[in-house]
PDB file of all heavy atoms in Angstrom:
ATOM      1  N   SER A   1      -8.565   1.782  22.043  1.00  0.00           N
ATOM      2  CA  SER A   1      -7.493   0.760  22.534  1.00  0.00           C
ATOM      3  C   SER A   1      -7.128  -0.316  21.430  1.00  0.00           C
ATOM      4  O   SER A   1      -6.178  -1.024  21.666  1.00  0.00           O
ATOM      5  CB  SER A   1      -7.978   0.026  23.770  1.00  0.00           C
ATOM      6  OG  SER A   1      -9.126  -0.812  23.423  1.00  0.00           O
ATOM      7  N   LEU A   2      -7.728  -0.332  20.358  1.00  0.00           N
ATOM      8  CA  LEU A   2      -7.486  -1.353  19.305  1.00  0.00           C
ATOM      9  C   LEU A   2      -6.344  -0.953  18.480  1.00  0.00           C
ATOM     10  O   LEU A   2      -5.748  -1.832  17.758  1.00  0.00           O
ATOM     11  CB  LEU A   2      -8.726  -1.524  18.390  1.00  0.00           C
ATOM     12  CG  LEU A   2      -9.892  -2.273  18.936  1.00  0.00           C
ATOM     13  CD1 LEU A   2     -11.018  -2.367  17.904  1.00  0.00           C
ATOM     14  CD2 LEU A   2      -9.511  -3.681  19.370  1.00  0.00           C
ATOM     15  N   ASN A   3      -5.890   0.243  18.455  1.00  0.00           N
ATOM     16  CA  ASN A   3      -4.683   0.652  17.616  1.00  0.00           C
ATOM     17  C   ASN A   3      -4.995   0.370  16.157  1.00  0.00           C
ATOM     18  O   ASN A   3      -4.198  -0.333  15.475  1.00  0.00           O
ATOM     19  CB  ASN A   3      -3.434   0.082  18.108  1.00  0.00           C
ATOM     20  CG  ASN A   3      -2.212   0.737  17.568  1.00  0.00           C
ATOM     21  OD1 ASN A   3      -2.385   1.776  16.930  1.00  0.00           O
ATOM     22  ND2 ASN A   3      -1.139   0.128  17.573  1.00  0.00           N
ATOM     23  N   LEU A   4      -6.035   0.928  15.606  1.00  0.00           N
ATOM     24  CA  LEU A   4      -6.407   0.595  14.242  1.00  0.00           C
ATOM     25  C   LEU A   4      -5.530   1.368  13.273  1.00  0.00           C
ATOM     26  O   LEU A   4      -5.451   0.960  12.081  1.00  0.00           O
ATOM     27  CB  LEU A   4      -7.834   1.073  14.047  1.00  0.00           C
ATOM     28  CG  LEU A   4      -8.883   0.250  14.762  1.00  0.00           C
ATOM     29  CD1 LEU A   4     -10.288   0.874  14.529  1.00  0.00           C
ATOM     30  CD2 LEU A   4      -8.882  -1.201  14.352  1.00  0.00           C
ATOM     31  N   LYS A   5      -4.773   2.406  13.667  1.00  0.00           N
ATOM     32  CA  LYS A   5      -3.925   3.038  12.694  1.00  0.00           C
ATOM     33  C   LYS A   5      -2.885   2.214  12.055  1.00  0.00           C
ATOM     34  O   LYS A   5      -2.692   2.229  10.796  1.00  0.00           O
ATOM     35  CB  LYS A   5      -3.258   4.341  13.413  1.00  0.00           C
ATOM     36  CG  LYS A   5      -2.524   5.198  12.501  1.00  0.00           C
ATOM     37  CD  LYS A   5      -1.852   6.341  13.220  1.00  0.00           C
ATOM     38  CE  LYS A   5      -1.121   7.293  12.340  1.00  0.00           C
ATOM     39  NZ  LYS A   5      -0.487   6.840  11.194  1.00  0.00           N
ATOM     40  N   SER A   6      -2.188   1.379  12.770  1.00  0.00           N
ATOM     41  CA  SER A   6      -1.203   0.547  12.173  1.00  0.00           C
ATOM     42  C   SER A   6      -1.800  -0.420  11.257  1.00  0.00           C
ATOM     43  O   SER A   6      -1.183  -0.891  10.213  1.00  0.00           O
ATOM     44  CB  SER A   6      -0.407  -0.199  13.260  1.00  0.00           C
ATOM     45  OG  SER A   6      -1.203  -1.114  14.064  1.00  0.00           O
ATOM     46  N   ASN A   7      -2.955  -0.927  11.535  1.00  0.00           N
ATOM     47  CA  ASN A   7      -3.682  -1.899  10.615  1.00  0.00           C
ATOM     48  C   ASN A   7      -4.096  -1.192   9.371  1.00  0.00           C
ATOM     49  O   ASN A   7      -4.012  -1.737   8.263  1.00  0.00           O
ATOM     50  CB  ASN A   7      -4.892  -2.479  11.223  1.00  0.00           C
ATOM     51  CG  ASN A   7      -4.504  -3.469  12.411  1.00  0.00           C
ATOM     52  OD1 ASN A   7      -3.452  -3.921  12.472  1.00  0.00           O
ATOM     53  ND2 ASN A   7      -5.507  -3.717  13.268  1.00  0.00           N
ATOM     54  N   ILE A   8      -4.443   0.076   9.438  1.00  0.00           N
ATOM     55  CA  ILE A   8      -4.882   0.875   8.249  1.00  0.00           C
ATOM     56  C   ILE A   8      -3.691   1.074   7.327  1.00  0.00           C
ATOM     57  O   ILE A   8      -3.810   0.916   6.152  1.00  0.00           O
ATOM     58  CB  ILE A   8      -5.581   2.185   8.655  1.00  0.00           C
ATOM     59  CG1 ILE A   8      -6.948   1.812   9.307  1.00  0.00           C
ATOM     60  CG2 ILE A   8      -5.701   3.084   7.493  1.00  0.00           C
ATOM     61  CD1 ILE A   8      -7.545   3.096   9.936  1.00  0.00           C
ATOM     62  N   ASP A   9      -2.567   1.458   7.951  1.00  0.00           N
ATOM     63  CA  ASP A   9      -1.356   1.606   7.097  1.00  0.00           C
ATOM     64  C   ASP A   9      -0.959   0.322   6.329  1.00  0.00           C
ATOM     65  O   ASP A   9      -0.627   0.371   5.188  1.00  0.00           O
ATOM     66  CB  ASP A   9      -0.182   2.059   8.002  1.00  0.00           C
ATOM     67  CG  ASP A   9      -0.378   3.524   8.500  1.00  0.00           C
ATOM     68  OD1 ASP A   9      -1.204   4.236   7.879  1.00  0.00           O
ATOM     69  OD2 ASP A   9       0.270   3.846   9.557  1.00  0.00           O
ATOM     70  N   ALA A  10      -0.951  -0.855   7.019  1.00  0.00           N
ATOM     71  CA  ALA A  10      -0.625  -2.079   6.384  1.00  0.00           C
ATOM     72  C   ALA A  10      -1.637  -2.429   5.287  1.00  0.00           C
ATOM     73  O   ALA A  10      -1.204  -2.840   4.229  1.00  0.00           O
ATOM     74  CB  ALA A  10      -0.600  -3.191   7.465  1.00  0.00           C
ATOM     75  N   GLU A  11      -2.858  -2.280   5.569  1.00  0.00           N
ATOM     76  CA  GLU A  11      -3.873  -2.539   4.470  1.00  0.00           C
ATOM     77  C   GLU A  11      -3.809  -1.648   3.300  1.00  0.00           C
ATOM     78  O   GLU A  11      -3.938  -2.048   2.239  1.00  0.00           O
ATOM     79  CB  GLU A  11      -5.281  -2.489   5.097  1.00  0.00           C
ATOM     80  CG  GLU A  11      -5.652  -3.593   6.128  1.00  0.00           C
ATOM     81  CD  GLU A  11      -5.869  -4.903   5.431  1.00  0.00           C
ATOM     82  OE1 GLU A  11      -6.183  -5.005   4.253  1.00  0.00           O
ATOM     83  OE2 GLU A  11      -5.623  -5.956   6.140  1.00  0.00           O
ATOM     84  N   SER A  12      -3.445  -0.400   3.599  1.00  0.00           N
ATOM     85  CA  SER A  12      -3.382   0.603   2.483  1.00  0.00           C
ATOM     86  C   SER A  12      -2.147   0.216   1.610  1.00  0.00           C
ATOM     87  O   SER A  12      -2.323   0.282   0.331  1.00  0.00           O
ATOM     88  CB  SER A  12      -3.076   2.013   3.110  1.00  0.00           C
ATOM     89  OG  SER A  12      -2.839   2.923   2.074  1.00  0.00           O
ATOM     90  N   LEU A  13      -1.029  -0.181   2.224  1.00  0.00           N
ATOM     91  CA  LEU A  13       0.118  -0.634   1.429  1.00  0.00           C
ATOM     92  C   LEU A  13      -0.250  -1.869   0.621  1.00  0.00           C
ATOM     93  O   LEU A  13       0.088  -1.931  -0.580  1.00  0.00           O
ATOM     94  CB  LEU A  13       1.321  -0.850   2.293  1.00  0.00           C
ATOM     95  CG  LEU A  13       2.543  -1.375   1.609  1.00  0.00           C
ATOM     96  CD1 LEU A  13       2.987  -0.550   0.500  1.00  0.00           C
ATOM     97  CD2 LEU A  13       3.634  -1.626   2.725  1.00  0.00           C
ATOM     98  N   ARG A  14      -0.864  -2.804   1.291  1.00  0.00           N
ATOM     99  CA  ARG A  14      -1.225  -4.056   0.657  1.00  0.00           C
ATOM    100  C   ARG A  14      -2.112  -3.776  -0.664  1.00  0.00           C
ATOM    101  O   ARG A  14      -1.956  -4.306  -1.671  1.00  0.00           O
ATOM    102  CB  ARG A  14      -1.816  -5.012   1.573  1.00  0.00           C
ATOM    103  CG  ARG A  14      -2.519  -6.209   0.997  1.00  0.00           C
ATOM    104  CD  ARG A  14      -1.561  -7.313   0.589  1.00  0.00           C
ATOM    105  NE  ARG A  14      -2.247  -8.403   0.120  1.00  0.00           N
ATOM    106  CZ  ARG A  14      -1.718  -9.581  -0.182  1.00  0.00           C
ATOM    107  NH1 ARG A  14      -0.451  -9.677  -0.179  1.00  0.00           N
ATOM    108  NH2 ARG A  14      -2.390 -10.578  -0.626  1.00  0.00           N
ATOM    109  N   ASN A  15      -3.082  -2.992  -0.366  1.00  0.00           N
ATOM    110  CA  ASN A  15      -4.103  -2.660  -1.481  1.00  0.00           C
ATOM    111  C   ASN A  15      -3.439  -1.960  -2.622  1.00  0.00           C
ATOM    112  O   ASN A  15      -3.608  -2.238  -3.737  1.00  0.00           O
ATOM    113  CB  ASN A  15      -5.220  -1.859  -0.889  1.00  0.00           C
ATOM    114  CG  ASN A  15      -6.142  -2.640  -0.086  1.00  0.00           C
ATOM    115  OD1 ASN A  15      -6.203  -3.928  -0.076  1.00  0.00           O
ATOM    116  ND2 ASN A  15      -6.888  -1.998   0.780  1.00  0.00           N
ATOM    117  N   SER A  16      -2.551  -1.007  -2.286  1.00  0.00           N
ATOM    118  CA  SER A  16      -1.881  -0.281  -3.394  1.00  0.00           C
ATOM    119  C   SER A  16      -0.899  -1.197  -4.179  1.00  0.00           C
ATOM    120  O   SER A  16      -0.776  -1.094  -5.378  1.00  0.00           O
ATOM    121  CB  SER A  16      -1.023   0.956  -2.882  1.00  0.00           C
ATOM    122  OG  SER A  16       0.003   0.535  -2.036  1.00  0.00           O
ATOM    123  N   VAL A  17      -0.259  -2.165  -3.528  1.00  0.00           N
ATOM    124  CA  VAL A  17       0.577  -3.214  -4.242  1.00  0.00           C
ATOM    125  C   VAL A  17      -0.248  -4.049  -5.211  1.00  0.00           C
ATOM    126  O   VAL A  17       0.096  -4.282  -6.292  1.00  0.00           O
ATOM    127  CB  VAL A  17       1.332  -4.024  -3.269  1.00  0.00           C
ATOM    128  CG1 VAL A  17       2.024  -5.257  -3.962  1.00  0.00           C
ATOM    129  CG2 VAL A  17       2.442  -3.158  -2.563  1.00  0.00           C
ATOM    130  N   VAL A  18      -1.428  -4.501  -4.668  1.00  0.00           N
ATOM    131  CA  VAL A  18      -2.318  -5.309  -5.478  1.00  0.00           C
ATOM    132  C   VAL A  18      -2.871  -4.571  -6.598  1.00  0.00           C
ATOM    133  O   VAL A  18      -2.839  -5.066  -7.769  1.00  0.00           O
ATOM    134  CB  VAL A  18      -3.472  -5.882  -4.589  1.00  0.00           C
ATOM    135  CG1 VAL A  18      -4.566  -6.528  -5.446  1.00  0.00           C
ATOM    136  CG2 VAL A  18      -2.949  -6.860  -3.510  1.00  0.00           C
ATOM    137  N   LEU A  19      -3.237  -3.337  -6.446  1.00  0.00           N
ATOM    138  CA  LEU A  19      -3.742  -2.467  -7.571  1.00  0.00           C
ATOM    139  C   LEU A  19      -2.675  -2.244  -8.585  1.00  0.00           C
ATOM    140  O   LEU A  19      -2.933  -2.303  -9.842  1.00  0.00           O
ATOM    141  CB  LEU A  19      -4.297  -1.210  -7.044  1.00  0.00           C
ATOM    142  CG  LEU A  19      -5.726  -1.225  -6.522  1.00  0.00           C
ATOM    143  CD1 LEU A  19      -6.042   0.161  -5.942  1.00  0.00           C
ATOM    144  CD2 LEU A  19      -6.711  -1.491  -7.664  1.00  0.00           C
ATOM    145  N   ARG A  20      -1.429  -1.922  -8.134  1.00  0.00           N
ATOM    146  CA  ARG A  20      -0.362  -1.724  -9.088  1.00  0.00           C
ATOM    147  C   ARG A  20      -0.050  -2.908  -9.891  1.00  0.00           C
ATOM    148  O   ARG A  20       0.235  -2.853 -11.022  1.00  0.00           O
ATOM    149  CB  ARG A  20       0.851  -1.220  -8.305  1.00  0.00           C
ATOM    150  CG  ARG A  20       2.001  -0.838  -9.190  1.00  0.00           C
ATOM    151  CD  ARG A  20       3.141  -0.195  -8.498  1.00  0.00           C
ATOM    152  NE  ARG A  20       4.284   0.079  -9.276  1.00  0.00           N
ATOM    153  CZ  ARG A  20       4.530   1.286  -9.760  1.00  0.00           C
ATOM    154  NH1 ARG A  20       3.760   2.291  -9.500  1.00  0.00           N
ATOM    155  NH2 ARG A  20       5.598   1.463 -10.560  1.00  0.00           N
ATOM    156  N   GLY A  21      -0.117  -4.134  -9.267  1.00  0.00           N
ATOM    157  CA  GLY A  21       0.113  -5.296 -10.015  1.00  0.00           C
ATOM    158  C   GLY A  21      -1.025  -5.734 -11.042  1.00  0.00           C
ATOM    159  O   GLY A  21      -0.811  -6.307 -11.944  1.00  0.00           O
ATOM    160  N   ALA A  22      -2.244  -5.194 -10.691  1.00  0.00           N
ATOM    161  CA  ALA A  22      -3.354  -5.601 -11.426  1.00  0.00           C
ATOM    162  C   ALA A  22      -3.641  -4.740 -12.722  1.00  0.00           C
ATOM    163  O   ALA A  22      -4.086  -5.135 -13.657  1.00  0.00           O
ATOM    164  CB  ALA A  22      -4.594  -5.673 -10.644  1.00  0.00           C
ATOM    165  N   ILE A  23      -3.238  -3.466 -12.555  1.00  0.00           N
ATOM    166  CA  ILE A  23      -3.576  -2.497 -13.539  1.00  0.00           C
ATOM    167  C   ILE A  23      -2.266  -2.021 -14.310  1.00  0.00           C
ATOM    168  O   ILE A  23      -1.336  -1.576 -13.621  1.00  0.00           O
ATOM    169  CB  ILE A  23      -4.202  -1.178 -12.929  1.00  0.00           C
ATOM    170  CG1 ILE A  23      -5.497  -1.591 -12.253  1.00  0.00           C
ATOM    171  CG2 ILE A  23      -4.442  -0.115 -13.983  1.00  0.00           C
ATOM    172  CD1 ILE A  23      -6.192  -0.402 -11.433  1.00  0.00           C
ATOM    173  N   SER A  24      -2.270  -2.320 -15.623  1.00  0.00           N
ATOM    174  CA  SER A  24      -1.101  -1.967 -16.393  1.00  0.00           C
ATOM    175  C   SER A  24      -1.556  -1.350 -17.703  1.00  0.00           C
ATOM    176  O   SER A  24      -2.355  -1.888 -18.394  1.00  0.00           O
ATOM    177  CB  SER A  24      -0.203  -3.179 -16.574  1.00  0.00           C
ATOM    178  OG  SER A  24       0.809  -2.875 -17.458  1.00  0.00           O
ATOM    179  N   VAL A  25      -0.987  -0.218 -18.030  1.00  0.00           N
ATOM    180  CA  VAL A  25      -1.288   0.448 -19.276  1.00  0.00           C
ATOM    181  C   VAL A  25       0.040   0.651 -20.045  1.00  0.00           C
ATOM    182  O   VAL A  25       0.903   1.356 -19.533  1.00  0.00           O
ATOM    183  CB  VAL A  25      -1.959   1.852 -19.011  1.00  0.00           C
ATOM    184  CG1 VAL A  25      -2.234   2.551 -20.358  1.00  0.00           C
ATOM    185  CG2 VAL A  25      -3.204   1.676 -18.192  1.00  0.00           C
ATOM    186  N   PHE A  26       0.179  -0.073 -21.135  1.00  0.00           N
ATOM    187  CA  PHE A  26       1.448  -0.024 -22.017  1.00  0.00           C
ATOM    188  C   PHE A  26       2.695  -0.400 -21.230  1.00  0.00           C
ATOM    189  O   PHE A  26       3.722   0.168 -21.217  1.00  0.00           O
ATOM    190  CB  PHE A  26       1.557   1.323 -22.624  1.00  0.00           C
ATOM    191  CG  PHE A  26       0.419   1.735 -23.549  1.00  0.00           C
ATOM    192  CD1 PHE A  26      -0.294   2.818 -23.222  1.00  0.00           C
ATOM    193  CD2 PHE A  26       0.176   0.955 -24.717  1.00  0.00           C
ATOM    194  CE1 PHE A  26      -1.365   3.228 -24.038  1.00  0.00           C
ATOM    195  CE2 PHE A  26      -0.849   1.378 -25.494  1.00  0.00           C
ATOM    196  CZ  PHE A  26      -1.669   2.456 -25.239  1.00  0.00           C
ATOM    197  N   GLY A  27       2.466  -1.443 -20.337  1.00  0.00           N
ATOM    198  CA  GLY A  27       3.620  -1.891 -19.483  1.00  0.00           C
ATOM    199  C   GLY A  27       3.874  -1.048 -18.260  1.00  0.00           C
ATOM    200  O   GLY A  27       4.732  -1.355 -17.471  1.00  0.00           O
ATOM    201  N   LYS A  28       3.190   0.043 -18.058  1.00  0.00           N
ATOM    202  CA  LYS A  28       3.379   0.840 -16.836  1.00  0.00           C
ATOM    203  C   LYS A  28       2.072   0.910 -16.063  1.00  0.00           C
ATOM    204  O   LYS A  28       0.973   0.867 -16.602  1.00  0.00           O
ATOM    205  CB  LYS A  28       3.821   2.233 -17.138  1.00  0.00           C
ATOM    206  CG  LYS A  28       5.225   2.336 -17.688  1.00  0.00           C
ATOM    207  CD  LYS A  28       5.676   3.770 -17.718  1.00  0.00           C
ATOM    208  CE  LYS A  28       7.139   3.843 -18.034  1.00  0.00           C
ATOM    209  NZ  LYS A  28       7.642   5.167 -17.863  1.00  0.00           N
ATOM    210  N   SER A  29       2.170   1.043 -14.710  1.00  0.00           N
ATOM    211  CA  SER A  29       0.972   1.122 -13.883  1.00  0.00           C
ATOM    212  C   SER A  29       0.751   2.588 -13.437  1.00  0.00           C
ATOM    213  O   SER A  29       1.697   3.253 -13.011  1.00  0.00           O
ATOM    214  CB  SER A  29       1.095   0.267 -12.657  1.00  0.00           C
ATOM    215  OG  SER A  29      -0.057   0.389 -11.843  1.00  0.00           O
ATOM    216  N   PRO A  30      -0.450   3.083 -13.637  1.00  0.00           N
ATOM    217  CA  PRO A  30      -0.757   4.430 -13.163  1.00  0.00           C
ATOM    218  C   PRO A  30      -0.949   4.508 -11.699  1.00  0.00           C
ATOM    219  O   PRO A  30      -1.033   5.717 -11.208  1.00  0.00           O
ATOM    220  CB  PRO A  30      -2.083   4.767 -13.811  1.00  0.00           C
ATOM    221  CG  PRO A  30      -2.758   3.501 -14.080  1.00  0.00           C
ATOM    222  CD  PRO A  30      -1.643   2.422 -14.308  1.00  0.00           C
ATOM    223  N   VAL A  31      -0.895   3.380 -10.987  1.00  0.00           N
ATOM    224  CA  VAL A  31      -1.100   3.388  -9.575  1.00  0.00           C
ATOM    225  C   VAL A  31       0.224   3.527  -8.848  1.00  0.00           C
ATOM    226  O   VAL A  31       1.135   2.775  -9.104  1.00  0.00           O
ATOM    227  CB  VAL A  31      -1.929   2.110  -9.105  1.00  0.00           C
ATOM    228  CG1 VAL A  31      -2.106   2.078  -7.628  1.00  0.00           C
ATOM    229  CG2 VAL A  31      -3.203   2.087  -9.874  1.00  0.00           C
ATOM    230  N   SER A  32       0.400   4.449  -7.910  1.00  0.00           N
ATOM    231  CA  SER A  32       1.630   4.443  -7.063  1.00  0.00           C
ATOM    232  C   SER A  32       1.420   3.673  -5.793  1.00  0.00           C
ATOM    233  O   SER A  32       0.357   3.554  -5.265  1.00  0.00           O
ATOM    234  CB  SER A  32       1.942   5.927  -6.735  1.00  0.00           C
ATOM    235  OG  SER A  32       1.008   6.498  -5.955  1.00  0.00           O
ATOM    236  N   ILE A  33       2.519   3.175  -5.255  1.00  0.00           N
ATOM    237  CA  ILE A  33       2.501   2.428  -4.014  1.00  0.00           C
ATOM    238  C   ILE A  33       2.483   3.426  -2.863  1.00  0.00           C
ATOM    239  O   ILE A  33       3.308   4.345  -2.703  1.00  0.00           O
ATOM    240  CB  ILE A  33       3.735   1.468  -3.972  1.00  0.00           C
ATOM    241  CG1 ILE A  33       3.650   0.445  -5.060  1.00  0.00           C
ATOM    242  CG2 ILE A  33       3.801   0.842  -2.560  1.00  0.00           C
ATOM    243  CD1 ILE A  33       4.727  -0.551  -5.081  1.00  0.00           C
ATOM    244  N   SER A  34       1.473   3.205  -2.073  1.00  0.00           N
ATOM    245  CA  SER A  34       1.275   4.082  -0.849  1.00  0.00           C
ATOM    246  C   SER A  34       2.022   3.458   0.307  1.00  0.00           C
ATOM    247  O   SER A  34       1.467   2.572   0.943  1.00  0.00           O
ATOM    248  CB  SER A  34      -0.210   4.204  -0.593  1.00  0.00           C
ATOM    249  OG  SER A  34      -0.433   4.804   0.631  1.00  0.00           O
ATOM    250  N   CYS A  35       3.138   3.868   0.604  1.00  0.00           N
ATOM    251  CA  CYS A  35       4.041   3.181   1.580  1.00  0.00           C
ATOM    252  C   CYS A  35       4.416   4.251   2.661  1.00  0.00           C
ATOM    253  O   CYS A  35       4.925   5.338   2.310  1.00  0.00           O
ATOM    254  CB  CYS A  35       5.284   2.620   0.877  1.00  0.00           C
ATOM    255  SG  CYS A  35       6.320   1.738   2.099  1.00  0.00           S
ATOM    256  N   LYS A  36       4.261   3.828   3.922  1.00  0.00           N
ATOM    257  CA  LYS A  36       4.635   4.691   5.028  1.00  0.00           C
ATOM    258  C   LYS A  36       5.735   3.832   5.866  1.00  0.00           C
ATOM    259  O   LYS A  36       5.399   2.730   6.248  1.00  0.00           O
ATOM    260  CB  LYS A  36       3.494   5.127   5.936  1.00  0.00           C
ATOM    261  CG  LYS A  36       3.920   5.907   7.109  1.00  0.00           C
ATOM    262  CD  LYS A  36       2.703   6.245   7.901  1.00  0.00           C
ATOM    263  CE  LYS A  36       3.209   7.180   9.126  1.00  0.00           C
ATOM    264  NZ  LYS A  36       2.499   6.876  10.295  1.00  0.00           N
ATOM    265  N   THR A  37       6.866   4.419   6.057  1.00  0.00           N
ATOM    266  CA  THR A  37       7.869   3.714   6.755  1.00  0.00           C
ATOM    267  C   THR A  37       7.449   3.498   8.232  1.00  0.00           C
ATOM    268  O   THR A  37       6.928   4.394   8.836  1.00  0.00           O
ATOM    269  CB  THR A  37       9.232   4.511   6.772  1.00  0.00           C
ATOM    270  OG1 THR A  37       9.518   4.772   5.340  1.00  0.00           O
ATOM    271  CG2 THR A  37      10.316   3.761   7.427  1.00  0.00           C
ATOM    272  N   GLN A  38       7.738   2.224   8.751  1.00  0.00           N
ATOM    273  CA  GLN A  38       7.474   1.890  10.110  1.00  0.00           C
ATOM    274  C   GLN A  38       8.774   1.863  10.803  1.00  0.00           C
ATOM    275  O   GLN A  38       9.547   0.974  10.545  1.00  0.00           O
ATOM    276  CB  GLN A  38       6.658   0.608  10.173  1.00  0.00           C
ATOM    277  CG  GLN A  38       6.369   0.147  11.610  1.00  0.00           C
ATOM    278  CD  GLN A  38       5.759  -1.258  11.633  1.00  0.00           C
ATOM    279  OE1 GLN A  38       5.678  -1.875  10.593  1.00  0.00           O
ATOM    280  NE2 GLN A  38       5.277  -1.532  12.776  1.00  0.00           N
ATOM    281  N   ASN A  39       9.001   2.752  11.764  1.00  0.00           N
ATOM    282  CA  ASN A  39      10.200   2.744  12.535  1.00  0.00           C
ATOM    283  C   ASN A  39      10.023   1.788  13.772  1.00  0.00           C
ATOM    284  O   ASN A  39       9.103   2.139  14.584  1.00  0.00           O
ATOM    285  CB  ASN A  39      10.591   4.067  13.009  1.00  0.00           C
ATOM    286  CG  ASN A  39      10.888   4.977  11.916  1.00  0.00           C
ATOM    287  OD1 ASN A  39      11.600   4.543  10.892  1.00  0.00           O
ATOM    288  ND2 ASN A  39      10.486   6.259  11.919  1.00  0.00           N
ATOM    289  N   VAL A  40      10.865   0.852  13.829  1.00  0.00           N
ATOM    290  CA  VAL A  40      10.729  -0.149  15.023  1.00  0.00           C
ATOM    291  C   VAL A  40      12.099  -0.177  15.702  1.00  0.00           C
ATOM    292  O   VAL A  40      13.162  -0.299  14.990  1.00  0.00           O
ATOM    293  CB  VAL A  40      10.406  -1.572  14.428  1.00  0.00           C
ATOM    294  CG1 VAL A  40      10.350  -2.564  15.533  1.00  0.00           C
ATOM    295  CG2 VAL A  40       9.020  -1.469  13.758  1.00  0.00           C
ATOM    296  N   CYS A  41      12.015  -0.262  16.970  1.00  0.00           N
ATOM    297  CA  CYS A  41      13.224  -0.437  17.809  1.00  0.00           C
ATOM    298  C   CYS A  41      13.060  -1.676  18.639  1.00  0.00           C
ATOM    299  O   CYS A  41      12.209  -1.718  19.497  1.00  0.00           O
ATOM    300  CB  CYS A  41      13.481   0.831  18.670  1.00  0.00           C
ATOM    301  SG  CYS A  41      14.938   0.666  19.740  1.00  0.00           S
TER     302      CYS A  41
END
């Protein structure tokens, strides 16, 4: 009943953005942003 899936997607995106910003090799980051579109009506 906690609906943890939506929290996991948000945390995954946040962590990938932080990693991409923290790790840079020759001006490029080897980390890709893990983003899943959230459809809201």
